Amino acid sequence: MEKMVQITRAYKTELDPNNEQRSMFMRCAGVARFVYNWALADRIATYEAKGKSNHYEQKRRFNAIKDDLAPWIREVPYALQEQAFANLDTAYKNFFRRVKGQAKAKGFPRFKSRKRGIGGFTLRGSLHVEEKRIKVPRLGWLRLKESGYLPVADVKLLSVNVSEQAGRWYASLQVERAVAEPRPALAPPIGVDLGITTLATCSAGRTFANPRTLRRYEVRLAYLQREMCRRVKGSKNRAKTKAKVATLHARIAHVRKHTIHQATHYLTAKAKPSVVVIEDLNVSGMLKNRHLSKAISDASFGEFRRQLEYKAAWNGVDMMLAGRWFPSSKTCSSCGSVKPKLRLSERSFACEECGVIIDRDMNAAINLRDLAAKRAASACGGTIKPSNGQSPEKQEPSGDDPVSLGPIGLPVASLCCGLDYATP
């Protein structure tokens, strides 16, 4: 009998509201923004006066004055007010966590502005979902543009977040459901090399093209942005052009995310390798290269890794991160010799020791795949012999050793510490 586990999962789909519901959405988003801004201003003032602030006392003060301060707040569900205070409390906790961790960007909570977007709101309580619609408090039944996507049986609906993007409204449902515990995948390991020319190159031979969405639409985007600069601020024509810019940005983001979803779904749900290995890329450092920063941002390596992590956990795939200093591109996948230099313009790897010629990205993907075999050999008590007496190309072994993410999505003890990455 399969073991069942409780998981929390989100489903996002587009809504099909009428004009009355759109107006109510705008009002709810405005109330959520107003309460959040009031709470932030009150916390700052209370801290300056007393040196400390309390989340619960702040809510009591607001409930005592809200009828005089904003009587229209009664027209929207009370859950909006509760969630706004909870969001601010989470923002403060994240700020203190970053301060304690001595992060460079502390991220103190800032006020929400209507100019940065309409935003959204979260509802809890009496929630119901059907194949073609969902029901939320005070707003009633909301039609969906996509039917059959949301789970309707044997699920517990926790919350619904309604948000706006480029004039279109979306609902993100957080549900709790029982699913069968994923069985460990048994297919051979796969190494994945991320790049700009090709988004992902798999050691099994599959490649995923980089759509370069921003580059495809940047001429149109520049034209619309220049047009918006010519419009008079506050005019209807400027608002129309601004809506076109937002729509184009949304399209760029959707195409990019769709491509990454296809690649990560194949690597986890279809291929089902026992281990998938990628590099722990220093994306923030790579963005400092002014010649490649736009292309690297467009490729969205961080989103690729995020999706791969949670999808690997869903499908029983072990995920492994190779260290940042691991020379996957410079190492020959055939003999294990390491090149001292390899220019970025060299798209083929030519080994000077054994004479093999192979695609640069495929060579790196194979080297990443071989890391999984070395980890398995180390776990079984095997010994890895160094190749040509070379030492590992790792300058920070304590922080950049390969990390394995198990089927539950949490790091487990690395088994590759002290291994020579050259192929024996």
Protein backbone atom coordinates (compact mmCIF):
# COMPACT_ATOMS: atom_id res chain seq x y z
CA MET A 1 0.00 0.00 0.00
CA GLU A 2 1.34 3.39 -0.96
CA LYS A 3 2.20 5.79 1.81
CA MET A 4 0.24 9.04 1.63
CA VAL A 5 1.72 12.39 2.64
CA GLN A 6 0.10 15.81 3.08
CA ILE A 7 1.51 18.51 0.83
CA THR A 8 0.72 22.18 0.33
CA ARG A 9 0.65 23.27 -3.29
CA ALA A 10 -0.37 26.37 -5.24
CA TYR A 11 -2.37 26.50 -8.47
CA LYS A 12 -2.50 29.70 -10.49
CA THR A 13 -5.06 30.35 -13.19
CA GLU A 14 -6.61 33.32 -14.97
CA LEU A 15 -9.99 34.70 -13.98
CA ASP A 16 -12.76 35.86 -16.30
CA PRO A 17 -14.46 38.61 -14.23
CA ASN A 18 -17.25 40.92 -15.32
CA ASN A 19 -17.06 44.70 -14.95
CA GLU A 20 -18.65 44.69 -11.50
CA GLN A 21 -16.17 42.13 -10.24
CA ARG A 22 -13.25 44.06 -11.75
CA SER A 23 -14.35 47.15 -9.85
CA MET A 24 -14.56 45.11 -6.65
CA PHE A 25 -11.09 43.68 -7.27
CA MET A 26 -9.70 47.20 -7.60
CA ARG A 27 -11.41 48.24 -4.38
CA CYS A 28 -10.09 45.21 -2.48
CA ALA A 29 -6.54 45.77 -3.73
CA GLY A 30 -6.79 49.43 -2.70
CA VAL A 31 -7.96 48.53 0.81
CA ALA A 32 -5.16 45.98 1.23
CA ARG A 33 -2.63 48.60 0.13
CA PHE A 34 -4.13 51.27 2.43
CA VAL A 35 -4.09 49.05 5.53
CA TYR A 36 -0.52 47.93 4.84
CA ASN A 37 0.70 51.52 4.44
CA TRP A 38 -1.13 52.64 7.59
CA ALA A 39 0.37 49.78 9.59
CA LEU A 40 3.88 50.53 8.33
CA ALA A 41 3.60 54.24 9.15
CA ASP A 42 2.19 53.40 12.60
CA ARG A 43 5.00 50.97 13.33
CA ILE A 44 7.65 53.51 12.38
CA ALA A 45 6.02 56.21 14.53
CA THR A 46 5.55 53.84 17.49
CA TYR A 47 9.15 52.68 17.32
CA GLU A 48 10.46 56.25 17.24
CA ALA A 49 8.30 57.16 20.25
CA LYS A 50 8.61 54.03 22.43
CA GLY A 51 11.51 52.10 20.93
CA LYS A 52 9.34 49.03 20.28
CA SER A 53 6.06 48.06 18.63
CA ASN A 54 3.57 45.24 19.03
CA HIS A 55 1.66 43.57 16.22
CA TYR A 56 -1.49 42.86 18.24
CA GLU A 57 -1.70 46.28 19.90
CA GLN A 58 -1.44 47.85 16.46
CA LYS A 59 -4.41 45.85 15.18
CA ARG A 60 -6.51 46.89 18.20
CA ARG A 61 -5.70 50.56 17.59
CA PHE A 62 -6.68 50.30 13.96
CA ASN A 63 -9.98 48.54 14.73
CA ALA A 64 -10.85 51.35 17.15
CA ILE A 65 -10.39 54.16 14.60
CA LYS A 66 -11.05 52.53 11.22
CA ASP A 67 -14.72 53.60 11.05
CA ASP A 68 -13.70 57.25 11.38
CA LEU A 69 -10.50 56.90 9.34
CA ALA A 70 -11.87 54.88 6.43
CA PRO A 71 -15.58 53.97 6.67
CA TRP A 72 -15.48 52.43 3.19
CA ILE A 73 -13.28 49.64 4.54
CA ARG A 74 -16.45 47.85 5.69
CA GLU A 75 -17.41 47.26 2.05
CA VAL A 76 -14.70 44.62 1.55
CA PRO A 77 -14.04 41.30 3.36
CA TYR A 78 -12.45 41.58 6.79
CA ALA A 79 -9.84 38.99 5.78
CA LEU A 80 -8.09 41.65 3.66
CA GLN A 81 -7.32 43.70 6.75
CA GLU A 82 -6.02 40.67 8.66
CA GLN A 83 -3.78 39.61 5.78
CA ALA A 84 -2.33 43.12 5.34
CA PHE A 85 -1.15 43.14 8.97
CA ALA A 86 0.22 39.61 8.57
CA ASN A 87 2.13 40.61 5.42
CA LEU A 88 3.72 43.57 7.20
CA ASP A 89 4.70 41.36 10.13
CA THR A 90 6.35 38.92 7.70
CA ALA A 91 8.18 41.79 6.00
CA TYR A 92 9.61 42.91 9.37
CA LYS A 93 10.68 39.37 10.27
CA ASN A 94 12.48 39.03 6.94
CA PHE A 95 14.16 42.39 7.51
CA PHE A 96 15.43 41.34 10.97
CA ARG A 97 16.58 38.00 9.57
CA ARG A 98 18.66 39.75 6.89
CA VAL A 99 20.11 42.16 9.46
CA LYS A 100 21.07 39.27 11.74
CA GLY A 101 22.62 37.43 8.82
CA GLN A 102 24.59 40.57 7.87
CA ALA A 103 23.18 40.66 4.36
CA LYS A 104 24.26 43.52 2.12
CA ALA A 105 20.68 44.46 1.22
CA LYS A 106 18.67 44.76 4.43
CA GLY A 107 15.34 45.33 2.67
CA PHE A 108 13.47 47.47 5.19
CA PRO A 109 9.70 47.36 4.44
CA ARG A 110 8.62 50.16 2.16
CA PHE A 111 5.28 51.74 1.37
CA LYS A 112 3.15 50.33 -1.45
CA SER A 113 2.45 52.71 -4.32
CA ARG A 114 -0.39 52.59 -6.82
CA LYS A 115 2.11 53.72 -9.45
CA ARG A 116 4.05 50.46 -9.14
CA GLY A 117 0.98 48.36 -9.93
CA ILE A 118 -2.49 47.60 -8.68
CA GLY A 119 -1.21 44.72 -6.58
CA GLY A 120 -3.53 42.10 -5.16
CA PHE A 121 -5.19 40.72 -2.06
CA THR A 122 -5.59 37.42 -0.21
CA LEU A 123 -8.86 35.90 1.02
CA ARG A 124 -9.43 33.08 3.51
CA GLY A 125 -12.46 31.52 5.14
CA SER A 126 -15.42 30.11 3.22
CA LEU A 127 -13.80 29.10 -0.06
CA HIS A 128 -15.20 26.70 -2.65
CA VAL A 129 -13.83 25.52 -5.97
CA GLU A 130 -15.50 23.88 -8.96
CA GLU A 131 -14.26 22.91 -12.39
CA LYS A 132 -15.07 26.25 -14.03
CA ARG A 133 -15.39 28.67 -11.12
CA ILE A 134 -14.38 29.47 -7.55
CA LYS A 135 -16.32 31.08 -4.71
CA VAL A 136 -14.75 33.58 -2.29
CA PRO A 137 -16.27 35.57 0.61
CA ARG A 138 -18.28 38.68 -0.31
CA LEU A 139 -17.27 38.42 -3.98
CA GLY A 140 -19.31 35.33 -4.81
CA TRP A 141 -18.59 33.00 -7.72
CA LEU A 142 -15.71 33.95 -10.05
CA ARG A 143 -15.48 32.40 -13.52
CA LEU A 144 -12.24 30.83 -14.74
CA LYS A 145 -10.82 31.10 -18.24
CA GLU A 146 -9.36 27.61 -17.92
CA SER A 147 -11.51 24.66 -16.87
CA GLY A 148 -10.40 21.38 -15.36
CA TYR A 149 -7.06 22.67 -14.04
CA LEU A 150 -7.88 23.24 -10.37
CA PRO A 151 -8.30 20.22 -8.06
CA VAL A 152 -11.88 19.89 -6.81
CA ALA A 153 -11.91 16.58 -4.89
CA ASP A 154 -10.13 15.55 -1.68
CA VAL A 155 -8.46 18.92 -1.16
CA LYS A 156 -8.54 21.52 1.59
CA LEU A 157 -8.59 25.07 0.23
CA LEU A 158 -6.46 27.31 2.45
CA SER A 159 -6.41 30.69 0.71
CA VAL A 160 -6.97 32.49 -2.59
CA ASN A 161 -4.69 35.29 -3.75
CA VAL A 162 -6.13 37.54 -6.47
CA SER A 163 -3.60 39.64 -8.38
CA GLU A 164 -3.48 41.80 -11.52
CA GLN A 165 -0.93 41.83 -14.31
CA ALA A 166 -1.25 43.96 -17.44
CA GLY A 167 -5.01 44.30 -17.07
CA ARG A 168 -5.62 40.58 -16.53
CA TRP A 169 -6.65 39.09 -13.19
CA TYR A 170 -5.27 35.84 -11.80
CA ALA A 171 -6.19 33.63 -8.85
CA SER A 172 -3.56 31.63 -7.00
CA LEU A 173 -5.07 28.91 -4.82
CA GLN A 174 -3.15 27.36 -1.94
CA VAL A 175 -4.48 23.88 -1.25
CA GLU A 176 -3.59 21.04 1.06
CA ARG A 177 -4.01 17.54 -0.30
CA ALA A 178 -2.89 13.98 0.30
CA VAL A 179 -0.68 12.45 -2.39
CA ALA A 180 1.27 9.24 -2.68
CA GLU A 181 4.84 9.60 -1.47
CA PRO A 182 7.06 9.80 -4.57
CA ARG A 183 9.11 6.70 -5.28
CA PRO A 184 12.82 7.25 -5.92
CA ALA A 185 13.52 7.61 -9.64
CA LEU A 186 15.73 4.89 -11.13
CA ALA A 187 16.80 6.21 -14.55
CA PRO A 188 20.50 7.05 -15.12
CA PRO A 189 21.74 10.41 -13.80
CA ILE A 190 21.57 13.51 -16.02
CA GLY A 191 23.91 16.47 -16.01
CA VAL A 192 22.51 19.83 -17.12
CA ASP A 193 24.67 22.71 -18.32
CA LEU A 194 22.93 26.09 -18.39
CA GLY A 195 24.01 28.69 -20.91
CA ILE A 196 23.05 31.62 -23.10
CA THR A 197 23.52 30.15 -26.59
CA THR A 198 21.51 27.08 -25.51
CA LEU A 199 19.38 27.42 -22.40
CA ALA A 200 19.98 23.85 -21.16
CA THR A 201 22.14 21.05 -22.55
CA CYS A 202 21.51 17.59 -21.08
CA SER A 203 24.10 14.85 -20.94
CA ALA A 204 21.49 12.47 -22.41
CA GLY A 205 21.59 14.46 -25.66
CA ARG A 206 18.47 16.63 -25.29
CA THR A 207 18.90 20.39 -25.66
CA PHE A 208 16.52 23.26 -24.97
CA ALA A 209 16.86 26.39 -27.07
CA ASN A 210 17.06 29.77 -25.41
CA PRO A 211 14.06 31.81 -26.66
CA ARG A 212 15.84 35.11 -25.89
CA THR A 213 12.44 36.67 -25.37
CA LEU A 214 13.65 40.10 -24.32
CA ARG A 215 15.94 40.35 -27.33
CA ARG A 216 13.08 39.35 -29.62
CA TYR A 217 10.78 42.09 -28.36
CA GLU A 218 13.21 44.83 -27.30
CA VAL A 219 12.79 46.85 -30.53
CA ARG A 220 9.02 46.96 -30.05
CA LEU A 221 9.49 47.66 -26.35
CA ALA A 222 11.85 50.58 -27.03
CA TYR A 223 9.37 52.03 -29.54
CA LEU A 224 6.52 51.93 -27.02
CA GLN A 225 8.65 53.41 -24.25
CA ARG A 226 9.68 56.32 -26.48
CA GLU A 227 6.04 56.82 -27.40
CA MET A 228 5.07 56.91 -23.73
CA CYS A 229 7.71 59.57 -23.05
CA ARG A 230 6.14 61.78 -25.71
CA ARG A 231 2.68 61.54 -24.16
CA VAL A 232 1.47 64.14 -21.68
CA LYS A 233 1.52 62.84 -18.10
CA GLY A 234 -1.98 62.11 -16.87
CA SER A 235 -3.48 61.92 -20.38
CA LYS A 236 -5.55 58.99 -21.66
CA ASN A 237 -3.15 58.38 -24.55
CA ARG A 238 -0.27 57.95 -22.10
CA ALA A 239 -2.38 55.47 -20.11
CA LYS A 240 -3.08 53.50 -23.29
CA THR A 241 0.61 53.34 -24.21
CA LYS A 242 1.52 52.40 -20.64
CA ALA A 243 -0.95 49.50 -20.85
CA LYS A 244 0.71 48.33 -24.08
CA VAL A 245 4.14 48.39 -22.40
CA ALA A 246 2.79 46.37 -19.46
CA THR A 247 1.20 43.85 -21.82
CA LEU A 248 4.46 43.38 -23.72
CA HIS A 249 6.42 42.92 -20.49
CA ALA A 250 3.89 40.32 -19.34
CA ARG A 251 4.22 38.45 -22.64
CA ILE A 252 8.02 38.40 -22.31
CA ALA A 253 7.76 36.99 -18.79
CA HIS A 254 5.17 34.36 -19.79
CA VAL A 255 7.16 33.07 -22.77
CA ARG A 256 10.31 32.84 -20.65
CA LYS A 257 8.59 30.99 -17.83
CA HIS A 258 6.81 28.62 -20.24
CA THR A 259 10.14 27.59 -21.77
CA ILE A 260 11.65 26.92 -18.36
CA HIS A 261 8.59 24.91 -17.32
CA GLN A 262 8.98 22.70 -20.38
CA ALA A 263 12.65 22.03 -19.68
CA THR A 264 12.27 21.33 -15.96
CA HIS A 265 9.21 19.11 -16.54
CA TYR A 266 11.18 16.96 -18.95
CA LEU A 267 14.17 16.67 -16.58
CA THR A 268 12.04 15.54 -13.64
CA ALA A 269 8.65 14.12 -14.66
CA LYS A 270 9.53 12.59 -18.05
CA ALA A 271 13.20 11.59 -17.89
CA LYS A 272 12.97 10.67 -14.16
CA PRO A 273 16.73 10.39 -13.56
CA SER A 274 17.94 9.12 -10.22
CA VAL A 275 20.05 12.29 -9.93
CA VAL A 276 19.99 15.56 -11.86
CA VAL A 277 23.15 17.64 -11.52
CA ILE A 278 23.47 21.38 -12.22
CA GLU A 279 26.04 24.00 -11.31
CA ASP A 280 25.60 26.34 -8.36
CA LEU A 281 25.99 29.46 -10.51
CA ASN A 282 26.93 32.80 -9.01
CA VAL A 283 24.30 34.71 -10.97
CA SER A 284 24.78 38.00 -9.09
CA GLY A 285 28.48 37.91 -9.95
CA MET A 286 27.79 37.02 -13.58
CA LEU A 287 25.49 40.03 -13.90
CA LYS A 288 28.44 42.34 -13.27
CA ASN A 289 29.67 41.57 -16.79
CA ARG A 290 28.14 44.49 -18.67
CA HIS A 291 28.47 42.69 -22.01
CA LEU A 292 26.39 39.68 -20.93
CA SER A 293 24.22 40.97 -18.09
CA LYS A 294 21.10 41.47 -20.25
CA ALA A 295 21.39 38.01 -21.83
CA ILE A 296 21.99 36.35 -18.44
CA SER A 297 18.96 38.09 -16.93
CA ASP A 298 16.84 37.06 -19.91
CA ALA A 299 17.89 33.41 -19.49
CA SER A 300 16.66 33.45 -15.84
CA PHE A 301 19.00 30.83 -14.36
CA GLY A 302 17.63 31.39 -10.86
CA GLU A 303 14.07 30.58 -11.92
CA PHE A 304 15.33 27.46 -13.73
CA ARG A 305 16.97 26.20 -10.54
CA ARG A 306 13.93 27.06 -8.39
CA GLN A 307 11.56 25.10 -10.62
CA LEU A 308 13.96 22.19 -10.89
CA GLU A 309 14.25 21.93 -7.10
CA TYR A 310 10.55 21.64 -6.30
CA LYS A 311 9.73 19.47 -9.32
CA ALA A 312 12.54 17.10 -8.40
CA ALA A 313 11.01 16.78 -4.93
CA TRP A 314 7.60 16.00 -6.46
CA ASN A 315 8.97 13.21 -8.66
CA GLY A 316 11.43 11.50 -6.29
CA VAL A 317 14.50 12.83 -8.11
CA ASP A 318 17.66 13.58 -6.15
CA MET A 319 19.07 16.98 -7.09
CA MET A 320 22.77 17.74 -6.79
CA LEU A 321 24.56 21.09 -7.04
CA ALA A 322 28.13 21.17 -8.30
CA GLY A 323 30.41 23.73 -6.69
CA ARG A 324 30.95 27.10 -8.31
CA TRP A 325 34.65 26.41 -8.83
CA PHE A 326 34.16 23.02 -10.44
CA PRO A 327 35.74 23.27 -13.96
CA SER A 328 32.95 21.54 -15.87
CA SER A 329 33.77 23.29 -19.18
CA LYS A 330 37.57 23.04 -18.89
CA THR A 331 37.69 19.35 -18.00
CA CYS A 332 37.82 16.74 -20.76
CA SER A 333 34.92 14.31 -20.37
CA SER A 334 37.00 11.57 -22.01
CA CYS A 335 40.39 11.59 -20.28
CA GLY A 336 39.91 14.02 -17.39
CA SER A 337 42.62 16.51 -18.32
CA VAL A 338 41.91 20.12 -17.41
CA LYS A 339 42.63 23.01 -19.75
CA PRO A 340 44.26 26.02 -18.09
CA LYS A 341 42.23 28.45 -20.24
CA LEU A 342 39.07 28.23 -22.30
CA ARG A 343 37.73 31.34 -23.98
CA LEU A 344 34.00 31.97 -24.02
CA SER A 345 34.09 32.21 -27.82
CA GLU A 346 35.34 28.60 -28.11
CA ARG A 347 32.12 26.65 -28.59
CA SER A 348 33.91 23.32 -29.11
CA PHE A 349 36.19 21.61 -26.61
CA ALA A 350 39.35 20.17 -28.18
CA CYS A 351 41.42 18.10 -25.76
CA GLU A 352 45.18 18.41 -26.23
CA GLU A 353 45.81 15.15 -24.36
CA CYS A 354 43.52 12.62 -26.08
CA GLY A 355 42.47 14.64 -29.15
CA VAL A 356 38.72 14.37 -28.60
CA ILE A 357 36.56 17.19 -30.03
CA ILE A 358 33.14 17.71 -28.49
CA ASP A 359 30.58 20.48 -28.09
CA ARG A 360 31.52 22.70 -25.17
CA ASP A 361 28.13 22.54 -23.45
CA MET A 362 27.76 18.78 -23.94
CA ASN A 363 31.22 18.27 -22.48
CA ALA A 364 30.24 20.24 -19.39
CA ALA A 365 26.96 18.34 -19.04
CA ILE A 366 28.77 14.97 -19.16
CA ASN A 367 31.23 16.13 -16.51
CA LEU A 368 28.33 17.16 -14.29
CA ARG A 369 26.68 13.78 -14.82
CA ASP A 370 29.89 12.00 -13.78
CA LEU A 371 29.76 13.79 -10.42
CA ALA A 372 26.73 11.70 -9.51
CA ALA A 373 28.66 8.48 -10.22
CA LYS A 374 31.52 9.67 -8.03
CA ARG A 375 29.14 10.48 -5.22
CA ALA A 376 27.63 6.99 -5.48
CA ALA A 377 31.10 5.41 -5.44
CA SER A 378 32.03 7.41 -2.34
CA ALA A 379 28.80 6.42 -0.59
CA CYS A 380 29.49 2.72 -1.28
CA GLY A 381 33.02 2.94 0.11
CA GLY A 382 34.73 3.02 -3.28
CA THR A 383 37.91 4.96 -3.93
CA ILE A 384 38.37 7.60 -6.59
CA LYS A 385 41.84 7.75 -8.04
CA PRO A 386 43.10 11.18 -9.09
CA SER A 387 43.87 11.69 -12.75
CA ASN A 388 47.46 12.77 -13.57
CA GLY A 389 47.96 13.88 -9.99
CA GLN A 390 45.71 16.92 -10.46
CA SER A 391 44.09 18.54 -7.47
CA PRO A 392 40.46 19.61 -7.34
CA GLU A 393 39.77 22.98 -8.92
CA LYS A 394 38.02 24.34 -5.82
CA GLN A 395 39.15 27.41 -3.97
CA GLU A 396 36.41 27.33 -1.32
CA PRO A 397 35.82 23.67 -0.46
CA SER A 398 33.86 24.41 2.71
CA GLY A 399 31.18 26.46 0.99
CA ASP A 400 31.08 25.20 -2.59
CA ASP A 401 31.11 21.42 -2.25
CA PRO A 402 28.39 19.65 -4.22
CA VAL A 403 25.13 19.70 -2.30
CA SER A 404 22.44 17.07 -2.75
CA LEU A 405 18.77 17.94 -2.49
CA GLY A 406 16.77 14.83 -1.69
CA PRO A 407 13.21 13.96 -2.73
CA ILE A 408 11.79 16.10 0.10
CA GLY A 409 13.59 19.14 -1.30
CA LEU A 410 15.96 19.66 1.66
CA PRO A 411 19.78 19.51 1.51
CA VAL A 412 21.32 16.27 2.73
CA ALA A 413 24.92 15.61 3.65
CA SER A 414 27.25 15.96 0.68
CA LEU A 415 29.05 12.79 -0.31
CA CYS A 416 31.54 14.39 -2.71
CA CYS A 417 33.82 16.11 -0.20
CA GLY A 418 37.46 15.47 -0.93
CA LEU A 419 36.95 13.92 -4.35
CA ASP A 420 39.11 14.79 -7.33
CA TYR A 421 36.79 15.95 -10.10
CA ALA A 422 39.03 14.62 -12.88
CA THR A 423 37.72 11.42 -14.41
CA PRO A 424 39.81 8.41 -13.27
